[in-house]
């Protein structure tokens, strides 16, 4: 399907879902296993889990019908049937727009070609430092060098699909501008998201109040850089909200379960990746969680993205042409 046709299908689906209280984006966490062991995350290592089949995920997609999905984990590339899962959710109208969220360690040029052929539109790859400190933070030796070599070896079309995602935290916030410059050098985009303690209960990585003026200045420097280099996708509102989140320790008005939600590896639904209580369907999730949701303890990318005005949400999507 031509790019403009897909874009219209995605927009139509999004508008319909807003009025029907269906999600704009669903994160399909197809496994909780991960080959990284990040200190700031509650995942890591092998896990025993019941896994829904590609056909199960396809059925769940049709029930929720979001215009955008993330295929994530854990580390989604650990599932041998990841290509079948990606193929299975695609619809005749060109929906959904598919983002593969990964630490990138298992990606190769061949794997990128295969996942694009299966239906992936974009990649969100974690990068938290502009050098091999990233290896230590993610506990995967050689990861930074692997990502650098991978990105340099893919085609220009493949490279434009890649966005690096940096978790802003107390140990790396002074590296945010160097990361923006690195993304420009590599020819890929960059997005920032704030560390949230909901994953582990550990507040060591929260940027302390005394450092927030410095963080605010760093974001101002990034916005100045952004005026001549368009690789940074986090806008001024979102960057200011990161500072406000660390300052106030919360952002009210969460729409988890309505604008976004998570499909777990076994096919159950959860409000988000941080609140993992499982529900059999969206109706029960909304009744059991969303209607009384007073949580303020995150400002993750999926939340901020889906809660922005729809015109901004839609304009950030650049669908590729697909043959279905």
C-alpha atoms as a PDB file:
ATOM      1  CA  UNK A   1       0.000   0.000   0.000  1.00  0.00           C
ATOM      2  CA  UNK A   2       1.299   3.446  -0.946  1.00  0.00           C
ATOM      3  CA  UNK A   3       2.651   5.601   1.871  1.00  0.00           C
ATOM      4  CA  UNK A   4      -0.118   8.236   1.658  1.00  0.00           C
ATOM      5  CA  UNK A   5      -2.782   5.525   1.702  1.00  0.00           C
ATOM      6  CA  UNK A   6      -1.276   3.973   4.815  1.00  0.00           C
ATOM      7  CA  UNK A   7      -1.024   7.350   6.487  1.00  0.00           C
ATOM      8  CA  UNK A   8      -4.717   7.999   5.886  1.00  0.00           C
ATOM      9  CA  UNK A   9      -5.629   4.529   7.189  1.00  0.00           C
ATOM     10  CA  UNK A  10      -3.576   5.093  10.341  1.00  0.00           C
ATOM     11  CA  UNK A  11      -5.126   8.535  10.880  1.00  0.00           C
ATOM     12  CA  UNK A  12      -8.654   7.202  10.353  1.00  0.00           C
ATOM     13  CA  UNK A  13      -8.030   4.354  12.791  1.00  0.00           C
ATOM     14  CA  UNK A  14      -6.601   6.745  15.377  1.00  0.00           C
ATOM     15  CA  UNK A  15      -9.550   9.143  15.230  1.00  0.00           C
ATOM     16  CA  UNK A  16     -11.998   6.247  15.452  1.00  0.00           C
ATOM     17  CA  UNK A  17     -10.181   4.812  18.464  1.00  0.00           C
ATOM     18  CA  UNK A  18     -10.194   8.107  20.357  1.00  0.00           C
ATOM     19  CA  UNK A  19     -13.984   8.273  20.142  1.00  0.00           C
ATOM     20  CA  UNK A  20     -14.343   4.556  20.950  1.00  0.00           C
ATOM     21  CA  UNK A  21     -11.921   4.675  23.941  1.00  0.00           C
ATOM     22  CA  UNK A  22      -9.586   2.280  22.209  1.00  0.00           C
ATOM     23  CA  UNK A  23      -5.808   2.655  22.390  1.00  0.00           C
ATOM     24  CA  UNK A  24      -3.678   4.669  19.993  1.00  0.00           C
ATOM     25  CA  UNK A  25      -0.652   2.503  20.749  1.00  0.00           C
ATOM     26  CA  UNK A  26      -0.302  -0.977  22.202  1.00  0.00           C
ATOM     27  CA  UNK A  27       2.987  -2.446  23.357  1.00  0.00           C
ATOM     28  CA  UNK A  28       3.081  -6.156  22.593  1.00  0.00           C
ATOM     29  CA  UNK A  29       5.597  -7.411  25.163  1.00  0.00           C
ATOM     30  CA  UNK A  30       6.049 -10.752  23.460  1.00  0.00           C
ATOM     31  CA  UNK A  31       8.541 -12.021  26.061  1.00  0.00           C
ATOM     32  CA  UNK A  32       9.775 -10.877  29.462  1.00  0.00           C
ATOM     33  CA  UNK A  33      13.100 -12.662  28.917  1.00  0.00           C
ATOM     34  CA  UNK A  34      16.046 -10.404  28.158  1.00  0.00           C
ATOM     35  CA  UNK A  35      19.716 -10.932  27.361  1.00  0.00           C
ATOM     36  CA  UNK A  36      20.579  -7.662  29.135  1.00  0.00           C
ATOM     37  CA  UNK A  37      20.585  -7.116  32.886  1.00  0.00           C
ATOM     38  CA  UNK A  38      20.050  -3.385  33.271  1.00  0.00           C
ATOM     39  CA  UNK A  39      20.258  -2.030  36.801  1.00  0.00           C
ATOM     40  CA  UNK A  40      17.355   0.368  36.203  1.00  0.00           C
ATOM     41  CA  UNK A  41      14.953  -2.301  34.905  1.00  0.00           C
ATOM     42  CA  UNK A  42      12.866  -5.079  36.455  1.00  0.00           C
ATOM     43  CA  UNK A  43      13.473  -7.427  33.519  1.00  0.00           C
ATOM     44  CA  UNK A  44      16.651  -9.358  32.780  1.00  0.00           C
ATOM     45  CA  UNK A  45      17.766 -12.916  32.170  1.00  0.00           C
ATOM     46  CA  UNK A  46      15.739 -15.968  31.157  1.00  0.00           C
ATOM     47  CA  UNK A  47      12.223 -16.427  32.512  1.00  0.00           C
ATOM     48  CA  UNK A  48       9.639 -19.175  32.573  1.00  0.00           C
ATOM     49  CA  UNK A  49       6.485 -17.855  30.965  1.00  0.00           C
ATOM     50  CA  UNK A  50       3.433 -18.913  29.028  1.00  0.00           C
ATOM     51  CA  UNK A  51       3.720 -17.469  25.546  1.00  0.00           C
ATOM     52  CA  UNK A  52       0.820 -16.611  23.295  1.00  0.00           C
ATOM     53  CA  UNK A  53       1.180 -17.762  19.695  1.00  0.00           C
ATOM     54  CA  UNK A  54       1.419 -15.481  16.651  1.00  0.00           C
ATOM     55  CA  UNK A  55      -2.236 -16.328  15.938  1.00  0.00           C
ATOM     56  CA  UNK A  56      -3.172 -15.290  19.490  1.00  0.00           C
ATOM     57  CA  UNK A  57      -1.407 -11.947  19.117  1.00  0.00           C
ATOM     58  CA  UNK A  58      -3.108 -11.423  15.738  1.00  0.00           C
ATOM     59  CA  UNK A  59      -6.521 -11.996  17.334  1.00  0.00           C
ATOM     60  CA  UNK A  60      -5.722  -9.613  20.195  1.00  0.00           C
ATOM     61  CA  UNK A  61      -4.583  -7.001  17.700  1.00  0.00           C
ATOM     62  CA  UNK A  62      -7.871  -7.244  15.821  1.00  0.00           C
ATOM     63  CA  UNK A  63      -9.808  -6.839  19.083  1.00  0.00           C
ATOM     64  CA  UNK A  64      -7.902  -3.678  20.083  1.00  0.00           C
ATOM     65  CA  UNK A  65      -7.147  -2.365  16.566  1.00  0.00           C
ATOM     66  CA  UNK A  66      -4.606   0.331  17.505  1.00  0.00           C
ATOM     67  CA  UNK A  67      -3.092   2.352  14.654  1.00  0.00           C
ATOM     68  CA  UNK A  68       0.395   1.871  16.135  1.00  0.00           C
ATOM     69  CA  UNK A  69       2.013  -1.031  17.964  1.00  0.00           C
ATOM     70  CA  UNK A  70       5.339  -1.628  19.610  1.00  0.00           C
ATOM     71  CA  UNK A  71       6.809  -5.127  19.482  1.00  0.00           C
ATOM     72  CA  UNK A  72       8.872  -5.183  22.649  1.00  0.00           C
ATOM     73  CA  UNK A  73       9.899  -7.169  25.708  1.00  0.00           C
ATOM     74  CA  UNK A  74      12.124  -8.068  27.487  1.00  0.00           C
ATOM     75  CA  UNK A  75      14.100  -8.467  24.300  1.00  0.00           C
ATOM     76  CA  UNK A  76      11.692  -9.330  21.454  1.00  0.00           C
ATOM     77  CA  UNK A  77      14.417 -10.711  19.194  1.00  0.00           C
ATOM     78  CA  UNK A  78      14.802 -13.645  21.603  1.00  0.00           C
ATOM     79  CA  UNK A  79      11.542 -15.094  20.296  1.00  0.00           C
ATOM     80  CA  UNK A  80      12.160 -17.388  17.346  1.00  0.00           C
ATOM     81  CA  UNK A  81       8.700 -16.597  15.948  1.00  0.00           C
ATOM     82  CA  UNK A  82       9.093 -12.818  16.086  1.00  0.00           C
ATOM     83  CA  UNK A  83       8.751 -12.515  12.295  1.00  0.00           C
ATOM     84  CA  UNK A  84       5.518 -14.526  12.353  1.00  0.00           C
ATOM     85  CA  UNK A  85       4.164 -12.278  15.120  1.00  0.00           C
ATOM     86  CA  UNK A  86       4.970  -9.170  13.080  1.00  0.00           C
ATOM     87  CA  UNK A  87       3.412 -10.599   9.923  1.00  0.00           C
ATOM     88  CA  UNK A  88       0.329 -11.773  11.774  1.00  0.00           C
ATOM     89  CA  UNK A  89      -0.831  -8.379  13.038  1.00  0.00           C
ATOM     90  CA  UNK A  90      -0.811  -6.642   9.655  1.00  0.00           C
ATOM     91  CA  UNK A  91      -4.161  -5.682   8.173  1.00  0.00           C
ATOM     92  CA  UNK A  92      -5.344  -5.113   4.576  1.00  0.00           C
ATOM     93  CA  UNK A  93      -5.701  -1.348   5.165  1.00  0.00           C
ATOM     94  CA  UNK A  94      -1.990  -1.015   5.988  1.00  0.00           C
ATOM     95  CA  UNK A  95      -2.374  -0.753   9.745  1.00  0.00           C
ATOM     96  CA  UNK A  96      -0.669  -0.927  12.126  1.00  0.00           C
ATOM     97  CA  UNK A  97       2.494   1.144  12.094  1.00  0.00           C
ATOM     98  CA  UNK A  98       4.999  -1.229  13.731  1.00  0.00           C
ATOM     99  CA  UNK A  99       7.914  -0.200  15.964  1.00  0.00           C
ATOM    100  CA  UNK A 100      10.424  -2.826  17.109  1.00  0.00           C
ATOM    101  CA  UNK A 101      11.762  -1.881  20.565  1.00  0.00           C
ATOM    102  CA  UNK A 102      15.087  -3.584  21.235  1.00  0.00           C
ATOM    103  CA  UNK A 103      18.479  -3.266  22.889  1.00  0.00           C
ATOM    104  CA  UNK A 104      19.900  -3.986  19.429  1.00  0.00           C
ATOM    105  CA  UNK A 105      22.354  -6.667  20.500  1.00  0.00           C
ATOM    106  CA  UNK A 106      20.715  -9.344  18.333  1.00  0.00           C
ATOM    107  CA  UNK A 107      20.185  -7.109  15.326  1.00  0.00           C
ATOM    108  CA  UNK A 108      22.304  -7.644  12.243  1.00  0.00           C
ATOM    109  CA  UNK A 109      21.956  -6.132   8.763  1.00  0.00           C
ATOM    110  CA  UNK A 110      20.267  -9.392   7.733  1.00  0.00           C
ATOM    111  CA  UNK A 111      17.878  -9.258  10.715  1.00  0.00           C
ATOM    112  CA  UNK A 112      16.951  -5.669   9.891  1.00  0.00           C
ATOM    113  CA  UNK A 113      16.189  -6.643   6.295  1.00  0.00           C
ATOM    114  CA  UNK A 114      14.107  -9.600   7.482  1.00  0.00           C
ATOM    115  CA  UNK A 115      12.123  -7.593  10.027  1.00  0.00           C
ATOM    116  CA  UNK A 116      11.418  -4.821   7.511  1.00  0.00           C
ATOM    117  CA  UNK A 117      10.259  -7.424   5.001  1.00  0.00           C
ATOM    118  CA  UNK A 118       8.008  -8.852   7.736  1.00  0.00           C
ATOM    119  CA  UNK A 119       6.430  -5.437   8.364  1.00  0.00           C
ATOM    120  CA  UNK A 120       8.530  -3.329  10.767  1.00  0.00           C
ATOM    121  CA  UNK A 121       8.370   0.401  10.039  1.00  0.00           C
ATOM    122  CA  UNK A 122      10.739   1.723  12.693  1.00  0.00           C
ATOM    123  CA  UNK A 123      13.238   0.683  15.359  1.00  0.00           C
ATOM    124  CA  UNK A 124      13.651   2.060  18.867  1.00  0.00           C
ATOM    125  CA  UNK A 125      17.117   1.043  20.067  1.00  0.00           C
ATOM    126  CA  UNK A 126      18.351   1.783  23.586  1.00  0.00           C
ATOM    127  CA  UNK A 127      21.484   3.935  23.953  1.00  0.00           C
ATOM    128  CA  UNK A 128      22.295   5.645  27.238  1.00  0.00           C
ATOM    129  CA  UNK A 129      25.929   6.745  26.824  1.00  0.00           C
ATOM    130  CA  UNK A 130      27.947   7.963  23.819  1.00  0.00           C
ATOM    131  CA  UNK A 131      30.664   5.371  24.426  1.00  0.00           C
ATOM    132  CA  UNK A 132      31.291   1.925  25.909  1.00  0.00           C
ATOM    133  CA  UNK A 133      29.872   2.937  29.297  1.00  0.00           C
ATOM    134  CA  UNK A 134      26.646   1.815  27.639  1.00  0.00           C
ATOM    135  CA  UNK A 135      27.988  -1.770  27.753  1.00  0.00           C
ATOM    136  CA  UNK A 136      28.321  -1.645  31.522  1.00  0.00           C
ATOM    137  CA  UNK A 137      24.927  -0.022  32.042  1.00  0.00           C
ATOM    138  CA  UNK A 138      23.177  -2.676  29.938  1.00  0.00           C
ATOM    139  CA  UNK A 139      25.527  -5.488  31.022  1.00  0.00           C
ATOM    140  CA  UNK A 140      26.266  -6.569  27.432  1.00  0.00           C
ATOM    141  CA  UNK A 141      30.000  -6.405  26.599  1.00  0.00           C
ATOM    142  CA  UNK A 142      30.731  -4.820  23.221  1.00  0.00           C
ATOM    143  CA  UNK A 143      27.190  -3.486  22.764  1.00  0.00           C
ATOM    144  CA  UNK A 144      28.154   0.109  21.931  1.00  0.00           C
ATOM    145  CA  UNK A 145      30.649  -0.993  19.291  1.00  0.00           C
ATOM    146  CA  UNK A 146      28.086  -3.439  17.889  1.00  0.00           C
ATOM    147  CA  UNK A 147      25.471  -0.681  17.515  1.00  0.00           C
ATOM    148  CA  UNK A 148      27.973   1.686  15.905  1.00  0.00           C
ATOM    149  CA  UNK A 149      29.054  -0.951  13.393  1.00  0.00           C
ATOM    150  CA  UNK A 150      25.477  -2.065  12.728  1.00  0.00           C
ATOM    151  CA  UNK A 151      24.208   1.427  11.993  1.00  0.00           C
ATOM    152  CA  UNK A 152      27.152   2.188   9.722  1.00  0.00           C
ATOM    153  CA  UNK A 153      26.510  -0.977   7.705  1.00  0.00           C
ATOM    154  CA  UNK A 154      22.775  -0.661   6.968  1.00  0.00           C
ATOM    155  CA  UNK A 155      21.272   1.080   3.949  1.00  0.00           C
ATOM    156  CA  UNK A 156      20.144   4.736   4.067  1.00  0.00           C
ATOM    157  CA  UNK A 157      16.494   3.612   3.995  1.00  0.00           C
ATOM    158  CA  UNK A 158      17.097   1.294   6.933  1.00  0.00           C
ATOM    159  CA  UNK A 159      19.046   3.944   8.843  1.00  0.00           C
ATOM    160  CA  UNK A 160      16.241   6.508   8.611  1.00  0.00           C
ATOM    161  CA  UNK A 161      13.957   4.054  10.428  1.00  0.00           C
ATOM    162  CA  UNK A 162      16.178   3.949  13.529  1.00  0.00           C
ATOM    163  CA  UNK A 163      15.599   6.067  16.627  1.00  0.00           C
ATOM    164  CA  UNK A 164      17.958   5.770  19.569  1.00  0.00           C
ATOM    165  CA  UNK A 165      16.151   5.968  22.901  1.00  0.00           C
ATOM    166  CA  UNK A 166      18.040   7.349  25.897  1.00  0.00           C
ATOM    167  CA  UNK A 167      16.790   6.912  29.461  1.00  0.00           C
ATOM    168  CA  UNK A 168      17.572  10.187  31.250  1.00  0.00           C
ATOM    169  CA  UNK A 169      18.914   9.460  34.726  1.00  0.00           C
ATOM    170  CA  UNK A 170      21.259  10.817  37.353  1.00  0.00           C
ATOM    171  CA  UNK A 171      24.379   9.154  35.987  1.00  0.00           C
ATOM    172  CA  UNK A 172      24.073  10.158  32.326  1.00  0.00           C
ATOM    173  CA  UNK A 173      22.213  13.475  32.084  1.00  0.00           C
ATOM    174  CA  UNK A 174      25.444  15.343  31.330  1.00  0.00           C
ATOM    175  CA  UNK A 175      25.874  13.099  28.261  1.00  0.00           C
ATOM    176  CA  UNK A 176      22.558  14.052  26.620  1.00  0.00           C
ATOM    177  CA  UNK A 177      23.975  16.650  24.224  1.00  0.00           C
ATOM    178  CA  UNK A 178      26.931  14.420  23.227  1.00  0.00           C
ATOM    179  CA  UNK A 179      24.362  11.702  22.499  1.00  0.00           C
ATOM    180  CA  UNK A 180      22.462  14.097  20.233  1.00  0.00           C
ATOM    181  CA  UNK A 181      25.666  14.877  18.349  1.00  0.00           C
ATOM    182  CA  UNK A 182      26.468  11.170  18.111  1.00  0.00           C
ATOM    183  CA  UNK A 183      23.025  10.447  16.646  1.00  0.00           C
ATOM    184  CA  UNK A 184      23.637  13.156  14.050  1.00  0.00           C
ATOM    185  CA  UNK A 185      27.021  11.650  13.188  1.00  0.00           C
ATOM    186  CA  UNK A 186      25.415   8.218  12.831  1.00  0.00           C
ATOM    187  CA  UNK A 187      22.537   9.569  10.739  1.00  0.00           C
ATOM    188  CA  UNK A 188      19.776   8.352  13.063  1.00  0.00           C
ATOM    189  CA  UNK A 189      17.163   9.994  15.277  1.00  0.00           C
ATOM    190  CA  UNK A 190      17.232  10.307  19.062  1.00  0.00           C
ATOM    191  CA  UNK A 191      14.513  10.384  21.706  1.00  0.00           C
ATOM    192  CA  UNK A 192      14.794  10.947  25.459  1.00  0.00           C
ATOM    193  CA  UNK A 193      12.632   9.405  28.169  1.00  0.00           C
ATOM    194  CA  UNK A 194      12.972   9.884  31.948  1.00  0.00           C
ATOM    195  CA  UNK A 195      13.946   7.131  34.343  1.00  0.00           C
ATOM    196  CA  UNK A 196      11.023   5.973  36.458  1.00  0.00           C
ATOM    197  CA  UNK A 197      11.396   4.217  39.787  1.00  0.00           C
ATOM    198  CA  UNK A 198       8.184   2.210  39.353  1.00  0.00           C
ATOM    199  CA  UNK A 199      10.174  -0.565  37.686  1.00  0.00           C
ATOM    200  CA  UNK A 200      12.416  -1.358  40.644  1.00  0.00           C
ATOM    201  CA  UNK A 201      11.513   1.015  43.477  1.00  0.00           C
ATOM    202  CA  UNK A 202      15.107   2.290  43.219  1.00  0.00           C
ATOM    203  CA  UNK A 203      15.397   6.093  43.248  1.00  0.00           C
ATOM    204  CA  UNK A 204      19.184   6.231  42.838  1.00  0.00           C
ATOM    205  CA  UNK A 205      18.813   7.098  39.170  1.00  0.00           C
ATOM    206  CA  UNK A 206      16.345   9.946  39.705  1.00  0.00           C
ATOM    207  CA  UNK A 207      17.997  13.251  38.789  1.00  0.00           C
ATOM    208  CA  UNK A 208      18.164  15.083  42.161  1.00  0.00           C
ATOM    209  CA  UNK A 209      16.552  18.482  42.630  1.00  0.00           C
ATOM    210  CA  UNK A 210      19.897  20.246  43.037  1.00  0.00           C
ATOM    211  CA  UNK A 211      20.893  19.110  39.521  1.00  0.00           C
ATOM    212  CA  UNK A 212      17.642  20.147  37.812  1.00  0.00           C
ATOM    213  CA  UNK A 213      18.839  23.676  36.879  1.00  0.00           C
ATOM    214  CA  UNK A 214      21.780  22.054  35.089  1.00  0.00           C
ATOM    215  CA  UNK A 215      19.464  19.539  33.397  1.00  0.00           C
ATOM    216  CA  UNK A 216      17.193  22.384  32.271  1.00  0.00           C
ATOM    217  CA  UNK A 217      20.181  24.201  30.750  1.00  0.00           C
ATOM    218  CA  UNK A 218      21.292  21.014  28.996  1.00  0.00           C
ATOM    219  CA  UNK A 219      17.822  20.687  27.473  1.00  0.00           C
ATOM    220  CA  UNK A 220      18.008  24.334  26.350  1.00  0.00           C
ATOM    221  CA  UNK A 221      21.340  23.549  24.687  1.00  0.00           C
ATOM    222  CA  UNK A 222      19.746  20.524  23.010  1.00  0.00           C
ATOM    223  CA  UNK A 223      16.865  22.669  21.724  1.00  0.00           C
ATOM    224  CA  UNK A 224      19.407  25.153  20.311  1.00  0.00           C
ATOM    225  CA  UNK A 225      21.184  22.245  18.637  1.00  0.00           C
ATOM    226  CA  UNK A 226      17.854  20.949  17.356  1.00  0.00           C
ATOM    227  CA  UNK A 227      17.284  24.157  15.361  1.00  0.00           C
ATOM    228  CA  UNK A 228      20.049  23.196  12.944  1.00  0.00           C
ATOM    229  CA  UNK A 229      20.026  19.413  13.411  1.00  0.00           C
ATOM    230  CA  UNK A 230      16.642  17.721  13.212  1.00  0.00           C
ATOM    231  CA  UNK A 231      17.669  14.304  14.557  1.00  0.00           C
ATOM    232  CA  UNK A 232      16.394  14.959  18.118  1.00  0.00           C
ATOM    233  CA  UNK A 233      12.686  14.086  18.182  1.00  0.00           C
ATOM    234  CA  UNK A 234      11.891  15.068  21.790  1.00  0.00           C
ATOM    235  CA  UNK A 235      10.260  18.501  21.599  1.00  0.00           C
ATOM    236  CA  UNK A 236      10.458  21.391  24.067  1.00  0.00           C
ATOM    237  CA  UNK A 237       7.222  20.439  25.823  1.00  0.00           C
ATOM    238  CA  UNK A 238       8.392  16.895  26.434  1.00  0.00           C
ATOM    239  CA  UNK A 239      11.848  17.975  27.629  1.00  0.00           C
ATOM    240  CA  UNK A 240      10.293  20.485  30.020  1.00  0.00           C
ATOM    241  CA  UNK A 241       8.001  17.739  31.295  1.00  0.00           C
ATOM    242  CA  UNK A 242      11.041  15.582  32.091  1.00  0.00           C
ATOM    243  CA  UNK A 243      12.354  18.331  34.378  1.00  0.00           C
ATOM    244  CA  UNK A 244       8.897  18.776  35.915  1.00  0.00           C
ATOM    245  CA  UNK A 245       8.613  15.028  36.435  1.00  0.00           C
ATOM    246  CA  UNK A 246      11.902  14.850  38.339  1.00  0.00           C
ATOM    247  CA  UNK A 247      11.010  17.999  40.284  1.00  0.00           C
ATOM    248  CA  UNK A 248       7.465  17.063  41.274  1.00  0.00           C
ATOM    249  CA  UNK A 249       7.983  13.283  41.252  1.00  0.00           C
ATOM    250  CA  UNK A 250       4.876  12.851  39.160  1.00  0.00           C
ATOM    251  CA  UNK A 251       2.770  13.796  36.137  1.00  0.00           C
ATOM    252  CA  UNK A 252      -1.027  13.618  36.637  1.00  0.00           C
ATOM    253  CA  UNK A 253      -3.664  12.641  34.094  1.00  0.00           C
ATOM    254  CA  UNK A 254      -2.411   9.196  33.059  1.00  0.00           C
ATOM    255  CA  UNK A 255      -4.563   7.510  30.358  1.00  0.00           C
ATOM    256  CA  UNK A 256      -3.137   3.987  30.726  1.00  0.00           C
ATOM    257  CA  UNK A 257      -5.633   1.392  29.552  1.00  0.00           C
ATOM    258  CA  UNK A 258      -7.341   3.913  27.282  1.00  0.00           C
ATOM    259  CA  UNK A 259      -4.768   5.710  25.106  1.00  0.00           C
ATOM    260  CA  UNK A 260      -2.144   2.984  25.559  1.00  0.00           C
ATOM    261  CA  UNK A 261      -1.747  -0.422  27.182  1.00  0.00           C
ATOM    262  CA  UNK A 262       0.418  -3.544  27.217  1.00  0.00           C
ATOM    263  CA  UNK A 263      -0.203  -7.041  25.901  1.00  0.00           C
ATOM    264  CA  UNK A 264       1.765  -9.496  28.037  1.00  0.00           C
ATOM    265  CA  UNK A 265       3.589 -12.568  26.689  1.00  0.00           C
ATOM    266  CA  UNK A 266       0.644 -14.798  27.657  1.00  0.00           C
ATOM    267  CA  UNK A 267      -1.894 -12.568  25.906  1.00  0.00           C
ATOM    268  CA  UNK A 268      -3.345 -10.874  28.992  1.00  0.00           C
ATOM    269  CA  UNK A 269      -3.497  -7.079  29.177  1.00  0.00           C
ATOM    270  CA  UNK A 270      -1.879  -4.679  31.649  1.00  0.00           C
ATOM    271  CA  UNK A 271      -2.259  -0.903  31.985  1.00  0.00           C
ATOM    272  CA  UNK A 272       1.408  -0.280  31.232  1.00  0.00           C
ATOM    273  CA  UNK A 273       4.828  -1.876  31.441  1.00  0.00           C
ATOM    274  CA  UNK A 274       5.239  -0.688  35.027  1.00  0.00           C
ATOM    275  CA  UNK A 275       1.891  -1.709  36.538  1.00  0.00           C
ATOM    276  CA  UNK A 276       1.676  -5.368  35.659  1.00  0.00           C
ATOM    277  CA  UNK A 277      -1.677  -6.489  37.071  1.00  0.00           C
ATOM    278  CA  UNK A 278      -3.236  -8.592  34.318  1.00  0.00           C
ATOM    279  CA  UNK A 279      -6.736  -8.341  32.859  1.00  0.00           C
ATOM    280  CA  UNK A 280      -8.411 -10.590  30.260  1.00  0.00           C
ATOM    281  CA  UNK A 281      -9.655  -7.722  28.050  1.00  0.00           C
ATOM    282  CA  UNK A 282      -9.680  -3.941  27.735  1.00  0.00           C
ATOM    283  CA  UNK A 283     -13.182  -3.531  29.166  1.00  0.00           C
ATOM    284  CA  UNK A 284     -12.178  -5.151  32.453  1.00  0.00           C
ATOM    285  CA  UNK A 285      -8.875  -3.245  32.449  1.00  0.00           C
ATOM    286  CA  UNK A 286     -10.708   0.087  32.185  1.00  0.00           C
ATOM    287  CA  UNK A 287     -13.233  -0.884  34.856  1.00  0.00           C
ATOM    288  CA  UNK A 288     -10.619  -2.358  37.197  1.00  0.00           C
ATOM    289  CA  UNK A 289      -7.856   0.214  36.741  1.00  0.00           C
ATOM    290  CA  UNK A 290      -8.342   3.154  34.396  1.00  0.00           C
ATOM    291  CA  UNK A 291     -11.485   4.634  35.950  1.00  0.00           C
ATOM    292  CA  UNK A 292      -9.768   4.969  39.317  1.00  0.00           C
ATOM    293  CA  UNK A 293      -6.264   5.571  38.017  1.00  0.00           C
ATOM    294  CA  UNK A 294      -4.461   8.162  40.110  1.00  0.00           C
ATOM    295  CA  UNK A 295      -0.932   7.071  39.220  1.00  0.00           C
ATOM    296  CA  UNK A 296       1.461   9.939  38.479  1.00  0.00           C
ATOM    297  CA  UNK A 297       4.764   8.073  38.773  1.00  0.00           C
ATOM    298  CA  UNK A 298       5.952   7.912  35.164  1.00  0.00           C
ATOM    299  CA  UNK A 299       6.361   9.980  32.038  1.00  0.00           C
ATOM    300  CA  UNK A 300       7.397   7.237  29.646  1.00  0.00           C
ATOM    301  CA  UNK A 301       7.619   7.809  25.902  1.00  0.00           C
ATOM    302  CA  UNK A 302       4.510   5.764  25.094  1.00  0.00           C
ATOM    303  CA  UNK A 303       2.489   7.760  27.614  1.00  0.00           C
ATOM    304  CA  UNK A 304       3.677  11.204  26.532  1.00  0.00           C
ATOM    305  CA  UNK A 305       3.349  10.259  22.851  1.00  0.00           C
ATOM    306  CA  UNK A 306      -0.247   9.032  23.058  1.00  0.00           C
ATOM    307  CA  UNK A 307      -1.446  11.789  25.392  1.00  0.00           C
ATOM    308  CA  UNK A 308      -0.291  14.632  23.148  1.00  0.00           C
ATOM    309  CA  UNK A 309      -2.807  16.249  20.735  1.00  0.00           C
ATOM    310  CA  UNK A 310      -3.684  13.773  17.995  1.00  0.00           C
ATOM    311  CA  UNK A 311      -2.313  16.034  15.261  1.00  0.00           C
ATOM    312  CA  UNK A 312       1.124  15.860  16.911  1.00  0.00           C
ATOM    313  CA  UNK A 313       0.824  12.107  17.461  1.00  0.00           C
ATOM    314  CA  UNK A 314      -0.118  11.568  13.819  1.00  0.00           C
ATOM    315  CA  UNK A 315       2.528  13.906  12.372  1.00  0.00           C
ATOM    316  CA  UNK A 316       5.296  11.927  14.086  1.00  0.00           C
ATOM    317  CA  UNK A 317       4.410   8.779  12.116  1.00  0.00           C
ATOM    318  CA  UNK A 318       6.089   8.251   8.765  1.00  0.00           C
ATOM    319  CA  UNK A 319       4.673   5.029   7.300  1.00  0.00           C
ATOM    320  CA  UNK A 320       6.631   3.103   4.727  1.00  0.00           C
ATOM    321  CA  UNK A 321       5.116   1.562   1.624  1.00  0.00           C
ATOM    322  CA  UNK A 322       3.990  -2.012   2.212  1.00  0.00           C
ATOM    323  CA  UNK A 323       2.885  -4.800  -0.059  1.00  0.00           C
ATOM    324  CA  UNK A 324       0.257  -6.840   1.766  1.00  0.00           C
END
